[in-house]
Amino acid sequence: MNPTITHEPVVMCDGKNSDKNATISSEVGHPAVYLHVNTKDVVHCPYCSRSFVFKLDFE
């Protein structure tokens, strides 16, 4: 699954929009976690492994 691109430095993941192949059901989700994505690395949710990438608006 491709990473979700965000323009926000912190994102919330609750698993409800995760990949269909994830180990957590997208209908049930997981506890909400807040991930700091304002780095140059891909950040992965520890529950559902959904990945996020931070991009500035002018990049």
C-alpha atoms as a PDB file:
ATOM      1  CA  MET A   1       0.000   0.000   0.000  1.00  0.00           C
ATOM      2  CA  ASN A   2       1.278   3.471  -0.855  1.00  0.00           C
ATOM      3  CA  PRO A   3       1.877   5.885   2.013  1.00  0.00           C
ATOM      4  CA  THR A   4      -0.700   8.549   2.768  1.00  0.00           C
ATOM      5  CA  ILE A   5       0.706  12.002   1.970  1.00  0.00           C
ATOM      6  CA  THR A   6      -0.077  14.663   4.547  1.00  0.00           C
ATOM      7  CA  HIS A   7       0.694  18.359   4.879  1.00  0.00           C
ATOM      8  CA  GLU A   8       0.179  18.270   8.661  1.00  0.00           C
ATOM      9  CA  PRO A   9       3.121  17.550  11.014  1.00  0.00           C
ATOM     10  CA  VAL A  10       0.962  15.328  13.267  1.00  0.00           C
ATOM     11  CA  VAL A  11      -1.653  12.844  12.064  1.00  0.00           C
ATOM     12  CA  MET A  12      -4.165  10.704  13.912  1.00  0.00           C
ATOM     13  CA  CYS A  13      -4.646   7.078  12.920  1.00  0.00           C
ATOM     14  CA  ASP A  14      -7.501   4.973  14.272  1.00  0.00           C
ATOM     15  CA  GLY A  15      -7.272   2.141  11.742  1.00  0.00           C
ATOM     16  CA  LYS A  16     -10.657   2.775  10.161  1.00  0.00           C
ATOM     17  CA  ASN A  17      -9.200   3.683   6.771  1.00  0.00           C
ATOM     18  CA  SER A  18      -6.381   1.162   6.714  1.00  0.00           C
ATOM     19  CA  ASP A  19      -5.539  -1.283   3.964  1.00  0.00           C
ATOM     20  CA  LYS A  20      -7.921  -4.232   3.487  1.00  0.00           C
ATOM     21  CA  ASN A  21      -4.949  -6.573   3.943  1.00  0.00           C
ATOM     22  CA  ALA A  22      -4.082  -5.127   7.366  1.00  0.00           C
ATOM     23  CA  THR A  23      -4.320  -7.307  10.434  1.00  0.00           C
ATOM     24  CA  ILE A  24      -6.905  -4.989  12.061  1.00  0.00           C
ATOM     25  CA  SER A  25     -10.368  -4.823  10.483  1.00  0.00           C
ATOM     26  CA  SER A  26     -11.116  -1.417   8.963  1.00  0.00           C
ATOM     27  CA  GLU A  27     -14.626  -1.433  10.474  1.00  0.00           C
ATOM     28  CA  VAL A  28     -13.389  -2.027  14.019  1.00  0.00           C
ATOM     29  CA  GLY A  29     -10.247   0.094  13.925  1.00  0.00           C
ATOM     30  CA  HIS A  30      -7.849   0.462  16.845  1.00  0.00           C
ATOM     31  CA  PRO A  31      -7.148   2.969  19.624  1.00  0.00           C
ATOM     32  CA  ALA A  32      -6.365   6.413  18.222  1.00  0.00           C
ATOM     33  CA  VAL A  33      -2.658   7.204  18.021  1.00  0.00           C
ATOM     34  CA  TYR A  34      -1.033  10.504  17.067  1.00  0.00           C
ATOM     35  CA  LEU A  35       2.038  10.206  14.872  1.00  0.00           C
ATOM     36  CA  HIS A  36       4.669  12.894  14.325  1.00  0.00           C
ATOM     37  CA  VAL A  37       5.371  12.757  10.606  1.00  0.00           C
ATOM     38  CA  ASN A  38       7.385  15.947  10.109  1.00  0.00           C
ATOM     39  CA  THR A  39      10.558  14.029   9.307  1.00  0.00           C
ATOM     40  CA  LYS A  40      11.996  12.882   6.000  1.00  0.00           C
ATOM     41  CA  ASP A  41      11.155   9.275   6.859  1.00  0.00           C
ATOM     42  CA  VAL A  42       8.014   7.256   6.280  1.00  0.00           C
ATOM     43  CA  VAL A  43       6.153   6.858   9.588  1.00  0.00           C
ATOM     44  CA  HIS A  44       4.166   3.668  10.268  1.00  0.00           C
ATOM     45  CA  CYS A  45       1.244   3.232  12.635  1.00  0.00           C
ATOM     46  CA  PRO A  46       2.233   0.706  15.340  1.00  0.00           C
ATOM     47  CA  TYR A  47      -1.237  -0.905  15.241  1.00  0.00           C
ATOM     48  CA  CYS A  48      -2.204  -1.214  11.569  1.00  0.00           C
ATOM     49  CA  SER A  49       1.103  -0.433   9.800  1.00  0.00           C
ATOM     50  CA  ARG A  50      -0.525   2.298   7.712  1.00  0.00           C
ATOM     51  CA  SER A  51       2.251   4.583   6.470  1.00  0.00           C
ATOM     52  CA  PHE A  52       2.357   8.378   6.292  1.00  0.00           C
ATOM     53  CA  VAL A  53       4.701  10.808   4.544  1.00  0.00           C
ATOM     54  CA  PHE A  54       4.961  14.523   5.315  1.00  0.00           C
ATOM     55  CA  LYS A  55       5.184  16.929   2.364  1.00  0.00           C
ATOM     56  CA  LEU A  56       5.323  20.696   2.524  1.00  0.00           C
ATOM     57  CA  ASP A  57       2.835  22.505   0.309  1.00  0.00           C
ATOM     58  CA  PHE A  58       5.594  24.069  -1.781  1.00  0.00           C
ATOM     59  CA  GLU A  59       7.627  20.879  -2.417  1.00  0.00           C
END
